[in-house]
Protein backbone atom coordinates (compact mmCIF):
# COMPACT_ATOMS: atom_id res chain seq x y z
CA MET A 1 9.25 58.96 23.94
CA ILE A 2 8.65 55.95 26.42
CA PRO A 3 5.32 54.26 27.01
CA ILE A 4 3.70 53.33 30.14
CA ILE A 5 2.25 50.27 30.51
CA PRO A 6 -0.32 48.23 32.90
CA TYR A 7 1.23 45.32 33.82
CA GLU A 8 -0.64 42.21 36.21
CA THR A 9 1.18 39.34 37.16
CA GLY A 10 0.55 36.52 34.39
CA GLN A 11 0.58 39.04 31.30
CA THR A 12 3.42 39.46 28.55
CA PRO A 13 2.40 42.78 26.61
CA THR A 14 4.09 43.28 23.71
CA ARG A 15 6.55 45.18 24.68
CA LEU A 16 7.85 42.92 27.20
CA ALA A 17 8.21 40.51 25.40
CA THR A 18 10.62 42.82 22.39
CA ILE A 19 12.12 43.32 26.12
CA LEU A 20 12.31 39.84 26.77
CA SER A 21 13.85 38.67 23.26
CA ARG A 22 15.93 41.94 23.03
CA GLY A 23 19.71 40.97 21.09
CA GLU A 24 18.68 37.09 21.29
CA THR A 25 21.17 36.44 18.96
CA ALA A 26 23.58 37.64 16.46
CA SER A 27 22.85 37.88 12.90
CA ALA A 28 24.44 36.24 9.70
CA ALA A 29 26.34 38.74 8.60
CA VAL A 30 28.13 39.58 12.46
CA ARG A 31 28.47 35.78 12.18
CA ALA A 32 29.91 35.58 9.05
CA ALA A 33 32.88 38.57 9.69
CA VAL A 34 33.82 37.31 12.68
CA GLU A 35 34.42 33.62 11.30
CA GLU A 36 36.15 35.24 8.38
CA ILE A 37 38.50 37.43 11.15
CA LEU A 38 38.99 34.51 13.42
CA SER A 39 39.97 31.89 10.66
CA ALA A 40 42.31 34.62 9.32
CA VAL A 41 44.53 34.89 12.36
CA ARG A 42 44.55 31.93 13.04
CA GLU A 43 46.24 31.19 10.31
CA ARG A 44 48.26 33.53 9.55
CA GLY A 45 48.80 35.64 12.99
CA ASP A 46 50.31 38.92 13.30
CA GLU A 47 49.93 39.33 9.60
CA ALA A 48 46.38 39.29 9.82
CA VAL A 49 45.68 41.07 13.24
CA ALA A 50 48.05 43.80 11.77
CA GLU A 51 45.50 43.75 8.41
CA TYR A 52 41.98 43.85 10.71
CA THR A 53 43.79 46.76 12.45
CA LYS A 54 44.36 49.10 9.76
CA LYS A 55 41.55 48.24 8.00
CA LEU A 56 38.68 48.49 11.48
CA ASP A 57 40.68 50.68 13.52
CA LYS A 58 41.84 53.01 10.70
CA ALA A 59 45.43 52.78 12.86
CA ALA A 60 48.08 51.12 10.70
CA LEU A 61 50.92 49.35 12.99
CA THR A 62 53.28 46.86 12.36
CA PRO A 63 53.42 43.42 14.42
CA ALA A 64 56.48 45.65 16.44
CA GLN A 65 54.36 48.17 17.43
CA PHE A 66 51.03 46.20 19.05
CA ARG A 67 52.79 45.64 22.82
CA VAL A 68 52.55 48.72 24.66
CA GLU A 69 55.20 49.12 27.24
CA LEU A 70 55.21 49.02 30.47
CA GLY A 71 56.66 51.90 31.44
CA GLU A 72 54.50 54.02 28.52
CA CYS A 73 51.54 52.94 30.59
CA ALA A 74 53.22 53.73 34.05
CA ALA A 75 53.67 57.21 32.23
CA ALA A 76 50.20 57.89 31.89
CA LEU A 77 49.38 56.52 35.55
CA ASN A 78 51.68 59.59 36.45
CA GLY A 79 50.39 62.18 33.94
CA LEU A 80 46.82 61.71 34.83
CA PRO A 81 44.96 64.80 36.65
CA PRO A 82 45.45 64.96 40.80
CA THR A 83 41.71 64.81 41.07
CA LEU A 84 41.44 61.69 38.22
CA ALA A 85 44.30 60.12 40.15
CA GLU A 86 43.03 60.24 42.93
CA ALA A 87 39.55 58.67 42.37
CA LEU A 88 40.84 55.98 40.29
CA ARG A 89 43.39 54.58 43.54
CA GLU A 90 40.53 54.64 46.15
CA ALA A 91 37.99 52.87 43.49
CA ALA A 92 40.77 50.47 42.31
CA GLU A 93 41.30 50.28 46.68
CA ASN A 94 37.99 49.38 46.93
CA ILE A 95 37.56 46.65 44.37
CA ARG A 96 40.57 45.07 45.33
CA ARG A 97 38.90 44.82 49.11
CA PHE A 98 35.60 43.61 47.98
CA HIS A 99 37.12 41.06 46.16
CA GLU A 100 39.88 40.02 48.53
CA HIS A 101 36.75 38.49 50.34
CA GLN A 102 35.40 36.01 47.24
CA LYS A 103 39.17 33.99 47.61
CA ARG A 104 39.06 30.38 48.08
CA THR A 105 41.05 27.96 50.37
CA SER A 106 41.82 24.20 49.01
CA TRP A 107 40.24 21.89 51.63
CA PHE A 108 40.98 18.44 52.20
CA VAL A 109 38.98 15.66 54.88
CA SER A 110 39.10 12.79 56.54
CA ASP A 111 36.75 10.00 55.57
CA GLY A 112 38.12 7.30 57.88
CA ASP A 113 40.31 4.45 57.60
CA GLY A 114 43.55 6.60 56.79
CA VAL A 115 40.79 8.11 53.67
CA ILE A 116 41.23 11.97 52.38
CA LEU A 117 39.27 13.24 50.00
CA GLY A 118 39.52 17.47 49.41
CA LYS A 119 39.62 20.06 46.85
CA ARG A 120 42.61 22.25 45.66
CA TYR A 121 42.20 25.53 44.57
CA LEU A 122 44.38 27.15 42.15
CA PRO A 123 45.14 30.23 39.99
CA LEU A 124 44.71 30.39 35.84
CA ASP A 125 47.63 30.88 34.52
CA SER A 126 46.98 32.92 32.34
CA ALA A 127 43.47 35.24 31.17
CA GLY A 128 43.02 37.79 28.65
CA LEU A 129 41.50 40.89 29.58
CA TYR A 130 39.21 42.86 26.22
CA ILE A 131 38.54 45.93 27.37
CA PRO A 132 36.35 48.10 24.44
CA GLY A 133 37.22 51.56 23.76
CA GLY A 134 34.46 52.34 20.66
CA THR A 135 31.44 54.35 22.17
CA ALA A 136 33.77 55.47 25.34
CA PRO A 137 37.16 54.40 26.65
CA LEU A 138 35.67 52.01 29.49
CA PHE A 139 39.15 52.61 32.04
CA SER A 140 37.25 51.24 34.48
CA THR A 141 36.72 47.74 33.24
CA VAL A 142 40.27 47.71 33.13
CA LEU A 143 39.86 47.65 37.06
CA MET A 144 37.32 45.10 37.41
CA ALA A 145 38.55 43.17 35.04
CA GLY A 146 42.02 43.11 35.94
CA ILE A 147 41.80 42.97 39.52
CA PRO A 148 39.56 40.17 40.21
CA ALA A 149 42.81 38.08 38.54
CA LYS A 150 46.06 39.72 40.50
CA VAL A 151 43.48 38.50 43.89
CA ALA A 152 43.07 35.28 42.13
CA GLY A 153 47.21 35.28 41.83
CA VAL A 154 46.87 34.83 38.06
CA GLY A 155 50.47 34.50 36.66
CA ARG A 156 49.96 36.69 33.61
CA VAL A 157 47.35 38.66 32.81
CA VAL A 158 47.14 40.31 29.56
CA MET A 159 44.90 43.03 28.07
CA CYS A 160 43.66 44.10 24.73
CA THR A 161 42.60 47.33 24.09
CA PRO A 162 42.08 48.64 20.50
CA PRO A 163 43.96 51.78 19.34
CA GLY A 164 42.60 55.11 18.04
CA PRO A 165 43.99 56.38 14.54
CA ASN A 166 47.26 57.03 15.23
CA GLY A 167 47.54 53.89 16.88
CA GLN A 168 47.61 54.82 20.72
CA PRO A 169 45.05 53.41 22.62
CA ASP A 170 43.38 56.11 25.03
CA ARG A 171 45.71 56.80 28.67
CA THR A 172 43.69 56.44 30.89
CA MET A 173 43.19 53.01 29.63
CA LEU A 174 46.53 52.88 30.27
CA ALA A 175 47.46 54.26 33.44
CA ALA A 176 45.13 51.69 34.82
CA ALA A 177 46.23 49.01 33.52
CA ALA A 178 49.28 50.64 35.04
CA LEU A 179 47.09 50.79 38.94
CA VAL A 180 45.92 47.09 38.47
CA GLY A 181 49.60 45.96 37.65
CA VAL A 182 48.39 44.56 34.30
CA ASP A 183 51.49 42.00 32.53
CA GLU A 184 51.17 42.60 28.58
CA VAL A 185 49.39 45.27 26.95
CA TYR A 186 48.63 45.21 23.41
CA ARG A 187 47.10 47.90 21.71
CA ILE A 188 44.54 45.03 19.51
CA GLY A 189 41.10 45.80 19.19
CA GLY A 190 38.56 43.99 17.99
CA VAL A 191 37.86 40.02 17.38
CA GLN A 192 41.43 40.10 15.83
CA ALA A 193 42.62 40.66 19.91
CA ILE A 194 39.95 38.03 20.74
CA GLY A 195 41.73 35.43 18.32
CA ALA A 196 45.02 36.25 18.64
CA MET A 197 44.12 35.64 22.48
CA ALA A 198 43.29 32.32 22.15
CA TYR A 199 44.92 30.93 19.61
CA GLY A 200 48.62 33.38 19.63
CA THR A 201 50.74 34.99 17.27
CA ALA A 202 54.55 35.84 16.40
CA THR A 203 54.39 38.39 19.11
CA LEU A 204 51.22 37.82 21.26
CA ARG A 205 51.19 33.99 23.18
CA PRO A 206 48.09 32.90 24.36
CA VAL A 207 45.63 32.52 27.44
CA ASP A 208 43.57 30.22 29.11
CA LYS A 209 40.83 32.50 29.60
CA ILE A 210 40.02 35.87 28.08
CA VAL A 211 37.60 38.20 30.33
CA GLY A 212 35.20 41.07 29.77
CA PRO A 213 32.49 43.29 27.62
CA GLY A 214 32.44 44.23 23.75
CA ASN A 215 30.16 44.65 21.29
CA ALA A 216 28.02 42.14 19.29
CA TYR A 217 31.25 41.21 16.84
CA VAL A 218 34.07 40.48 20.02
CA GLN A 219 30.42 38.58 22.31
CA GLU A 220 30.50 36.46 18.87
CA ALA A 221 34.26 35.48 18.60
CA LYS A 222 34.17 34.78 22.48
CA LYS A 223 31.39 32.44 21.85
CA ALA A 224 33.32 30.94 18.70
CA VAL A 225 36.79 30.51 20.99
CA VAL A 226 34.87 28.72 23.63
CA GLY A 227 36.89 25.43 24.02
CA THR A 228 40.06 26.51 22.58
CA VAL A 229 40.50 29.00 25.84
CA GLY A 230 37.42 29.77 28.91
CA ILE A 231 35.44 32.87 28.39
CA ASP A 232 33.73 34.28 31.36
CA MET A 233 30.72 35.15 29.83
CA ILE A 234 27.99 36.35 26.33
CA ALA A 235 27.71 39.82 27.75
CA GLY A 236 24.75 41.70 24.96
CA PRO A 237 23.60 45.29 26.18
CA SER A 238 22.80 46.90 28.90
CA GLU A 239 20.03 46.71 31.15
CA ILE A 240 18.62 48.00 34.34
CA VAL A 241 15.08 47.95 35.55
CA VAL A 242 14.10 50.47 38.57
CA ILE A 243 11.28 49.22 41.32
CA ALA A 244 9.73 52.31 42.85
CA ASP A 245 6.83 53.11 44.59
CA ASP A 246 5.76 56.74 46.18
CA THR A 247 8.72 57.23 48.26
CA ALA A 248 11.34 57.11 44.97
CA ASN A 249 12.02 60.81 44.00
CA PRO A 250 11.58 60.32 40.18
CA ALA A 251 14.25 62.61 38.97
CA TRP A 252 16.88 59.76 40.44
CA VAL A 253 15.20 57.11 39.52
CA ALA A 254 15.13 58.95 35.52
CA ALA A 255 18.42 59.40 36.12
CA ASP A 256 19.51 55.95 37.05
CA LEU A 257 17.37 54.38 34.04
CA LEU A 258 19.23 57.06 31.16
CA SER A 259 22.55 56.13 33.00
CA GLN A 260 22.11 52.65 30.95
CA ALA A 261 20.58 54.29 28.14
CA GLU A 262 24.13 56.37 26.96
CA HIS A 263 25.71 53.17 25.82
CA GLY A 264 25.01 54.33 22.95
CA THR A 265 24.59 50.77 20.82
CA GLY A 266 20.59 51.60 20.88
CA LEU A 267 19.49 47.76 21.91
CA GLU A 268 19.91 48.70 26.09
CA ALA A 269 16.86 48.38 28.11
CA SER A 270 16.15 50.94 30.79
CA VAL A 271 12.85 49.58 32.61
CA ALA A 272 10.92 51.12 35.46
CA ILE A 273 8.50 49.49 37.35
CA VAL A 274 6.44 51.62 39.56
CA THR A 275 2.94 51.66 41.88
CA SER A 276 1.37 54.52 40.49
CA SER A 277 0.46 55.93 37.03
CA LEU A 278 1.24 59.28 38.59
CA LEU A 279 4.82 58.21 39.25
CA ALA A 280 5.43 57.11 36.01
CA GLU A 281 4.42 60.12 34.90
CA LYS A 282 6.91 62.29 36.28
CA ILE A 283 9.19 59.76 35.56
CA ARG A 284 8.25 59.76 32.22
CA GLY A 285 8.37 63.69 32.39
CA GLU A 286 11.57 63.62 33.88
CA LEU A 287 13.21 61.68 31.04
CA LYS A 288 12.07 63.67 28.59
CA ARG A 289 13.32 67.15 30.93
CA GLN A 290 16.98 65.06 31.71
CA ALA A 291 17.93 63.92 28.54
CA ALA A 292 17.53 66.76 26.79
CA SER A 293 20.89 68.39 28.37
CA LEU A 294 22.37 65.55 27.10
CA PRO A 295 25.53 65.17 25.32
CA ARG A 296 24.69 61.81 24.16
CA GLU A 297 21.00 62.77 23.18
CA GLY A 298 20.31 61.09 20.29
CA ALA A 299 21.98 57.17 21.37
CA VAL A 300 19.30 57.43 24.59
CA ARG A 301 16.36 58.36 23.17
CA LYS A 302 17.34 55.36 20.15
CA ALA A 303 17.54 53.43 23.39
CA LEU A 304 14.69 54.45 24.61
CA ASP A 305 12.51 54.24 21.96
CA SER A 306 13.11 50.49 21.64
CA TYR A 307 12.97 49.60 24.46
CA GLY A 308 12.25 52.17 27.55
CA THR A 309 9.57 50.97 29.49
CA ILE A 310 7.63 52.03 32.24
CA PHE A 311 5.33 49.16 33.73
CA VAL A 312 2.85 49.99 36.41
CA VAL A 313 1.77 47.44 38.97
CA PRO A 314 -0.49 46.58 41.39
CA ASP A 315 1.87 46.70 43.84
CA LEU A 316 5.69 45.58 44.94
CA ALA A 317 4.71 41.72 44.91
CA THR A 318 3.63 42.28 41.81
CA ALA A 319 7.35 44.46 40.52
CA CYS A 320 9.54 42.00 41.41
CA GLU A 321 7.51 39.01 39.84
CA LEU A 322 8.38 40.76 37.22
CA SER A 323 11.73 42.18 37.31
CA ASP A 324 12.56 38.32 37.94
CA ARG A 325 10.97 37.74 34.62
CA ILE A 326 13.29 40.45 33.24
CA ALA A 327 16.08 38.61 35.06
CA PRO A 328 18.12 42.09 34.72
CA GLU A 329 21.84 42.97 34.43
CA HIS A 330 21.03 45.76 37.08
CA VAL A 331 17.96 45.41 39.73
CA GLU A 332 17.37 49.01 41.79
CA ALA A 333 15.06 49.51 44.80
CA HIS A 334 13.34 52.70 45.24
CA VAL A 335 11.48 52.25 47.95
CA ALA A 336 9.80 52.80 51.77
CA ASP A 337 12.03 49.72 52.64
CA PRO A 338 14.26 47.99 49.88
CA TRP A 339 15.57 45.99 51.92
CA ALA A 340 12.36 44.00 52.51
CA LEU A 341 12.50 43.18 48.49
CA LEU A 342 15.77 41.78 49.42
CA ASP A 343 14.01 38.34 49.40
CA ARG A 344 11.58 38.86 47.18
CA ILE A 345 14.36 39.42 43.95
CA ARG A 346 16.27 36.58 42.80
CA HIS A 347 17.53 36.98 39.04
CA ALA A 348 20.17 40.25 38.97
CA GLY A 349 23.46 40.56 38.01
CA ALA A 350 23.37 43.25 40.84
CA ILE A 351 21.19 44.61 43.25
CA PHE A 352 21.21 48.12 44.34
CA LEU A 353 18.81 49.05 47.83
CA GLY A 354 17.48 52.62 48.73
CA GLY A 355 17.48 56.30 46.82
CA ALA A 356 21.42 56.35 47.61
CA SER A 357 22.51 53.03 45.68
CA SER A 358 22.49 54.55 41.96
CA GLU A 359 23.89 52.15 39.64
CA PRO A 360 26.74 54.54 38.75
CA VAL A 361 28.24 53.87 42.50
CA GLY A 362 28.87 50.28 41.57
CA ASP A 363 30.22 50.93 38.00
CA TYR A 364 32.76 52.89 39.71
CA PHE A 365 33.54 52.87 42.89
CA ALA A 366 31.79 51.14 45.80
CA GLY A 367 34.16 47.46 45.21
CA THR A 368 31.35 45.26 43.24
CA ASN A 369 32.23 44.21 40.21
CA HIS A 370 30.36 45.68 36.94
CA ILE A 371 30.97 42.90 34.50
CA LEU A 372 27.62 41.13 34.63
CA PRO A 373 25.72 38.70 33.37
CA THR A 374 22.79 40.32 30.98
CA GLY A 375 20.29 38.90 28.47
CA ARG A 376 18.15 36.95 31.03
CA ALA A 377 21.32 35.16 32.07
CA ALA A 378 21.38 36.21 35.88
CA ARG A 379 19.01 33.15 36.04
CA TYR A 380 22.18 30.98 36.12
CA ALA A 381 25.33 33.04 36.03
CA SER A 382 26.81 35.83 38.08
CA SER A 383 28.74 39.02 38.08
CA LEU A 384 32.82 38.47 36.99
CA GLY A 385 35.03 38.00 40.54
CA VAL A 386 37.38 36.24 41.47
CA ASP A 387 35.66 32.46 41.07
CA ASP A 388 36.73 33.52 37.21
CA PHE A 389 40.40 32.92 37.85
CA ILE A 390 40.41 30.21 39.59
CA LYS A 391 40.58 26.26 38.91
CA SER A 392 39.69 23.49 41.80
CA SER A 393 41.06 19.79 41.25
CA SER A 394 39.41 17.13 43.62
CA LEU A 395 41.70 15.12 45.61
CA VAL A 396 40.72 11.87 45.97
CA ALA A 397 43.59 9.23 48.00
CA TYR A 398 41.94 5.99 49.01
CA THR A 399 43.48 2.92 51.39
CA SER A 400 43.32 -0.72 50.88
CA GLU A 401 41.78 -1.10 53.75
CA ARG A 402 38.58 1.54 52.68
CA LEU A 403 39.21 -0.75 49.29
CA ARG A 404 38.87 -3.66 50.13
CA LYS A 405 35.57 -2.93 51.91
CA MET A 406 33.99 -1.04 49.41
CA GLY A 407 35.74 -2.47 46.97
CA GLN A 408 33.15 -4.89 45.54
CA HIS A 409 30.13 -2.38 45.46
CA ILE A 410 32.60 -0.32 42.94
CA ALA A 411 32.84 -2.82 40.52
CA ALA A 412 29.29 -3.67 41.04
CA LEU A 413 28.17 -0.28 39.56
CA ALA A 414 31.00 -0.53 36.69
CA GLU A 415 29.82 -3.72 35.61
CA ALA A 416 26.20 -2.50 35.72
CA GLU A 417 27.13 0.47 32.99
CA GLY A 418 29.11 -1.96 30.76
CA LEU A 419 32.61 -1.22 31.57
CA ARG A 420 34.46 -4.14 32.55
CA ALA A 421 37.68 -3.05 32.94
CA HIS A 422 36.85 0.35 35.51
CA ALA A 423 35.68 -3.45 37.21
CA GLN A 424 38.13 -5.74 36.95
CA ALA A 425 40.61 -2.21 37.67
CA VAL A 426 39.48 -2.25 41.57
CA MET A 427 39.41 -6.08 41.32
CA GLY A 428 42.81 -6.48 40.25
CA ARG A 429 43.53 -4.68 43.53
CA LEU A 430 41.55 -6.82 45.48
CA GLU A 431 42.95 -10.35 44.56
CA ASP A 432 46.80 -9.47 44.97
């Protein structure tokens, strides 16, 4: 089910090359379908949204039925089983507390001669949350996308999530929206939801930024509307790297690899990097044993067959080097001294140190965000957070005194670039 491959620094085994190129570009068919739907929504608004909702989600809705009343969300929250409601509230509080630490404060400094420079931070006016519901009702993603927006102070937070064939979104999704305090909820999914949030319709006013995960069609749609709106990232299939030495529990390592393989697309990458062949064999045995009991065994096996790998390395330094080449969404360190690896791991969306720090702890409860860069984007991108929902303006308050001192220098720079009007805008003030 999953190969065991030796690895030395600098090598690129075929399996590694396959993992690194996984899902690099959308197919021509996906791009064509996305372009068709977005064009229809831009041109025909609600009519097109209703048309594709019926065609793709099998839900016959009129535009008047798109919006979910907030009272319905509150009722869903009140109707949750007590144990689930308590867990959801605790998770929300953890996420809120973590993201409160990310808030920024505007700053201004005196630069002499009465000059003031600074940065002013403001929340976005509006943000759209896309919450997928195809393979699983990801109500935890409502918390992860919505709470940072609320902490940032976004004035209008909109959520779109697909309806089921009965026209209703998952009740737990609605409950999570009520807990977050989402301002508007729509039973619209897929590319048509991205188009509606980006371009606006008679029913749904456009937003300034769209965040959240989704399938290949949703991600291609987000890419296509950049410029009309902002987006958080292009999120691909899930991935995990588990670095393990002989102190690791092979059953725990296997369980965490399976936690990502079960997402259901078959494109998930579950990779273990271990320091002994014996440990590799034990992990592979555990993967076979545990996978057989999973309700999504078929999807798990498809992902492991395609991209699951156990690399055997000579030491932990090599393990970290290989992990950084993959630059994965999640990295776990199941080693004797996990903190010793922290400075060696540079490229990861989230890092989980120690055997107790299972990836689902971060997915659901610890407070960190589970909307993370994938497909090697961790080399330059970060998890979703408060920064995604704020913008800044630079502030310049010059004085005549400073301008008299520095005007010639400013004009010289403008003249050197061939921009005479720039130079004159400064020099004219010096001549008055």
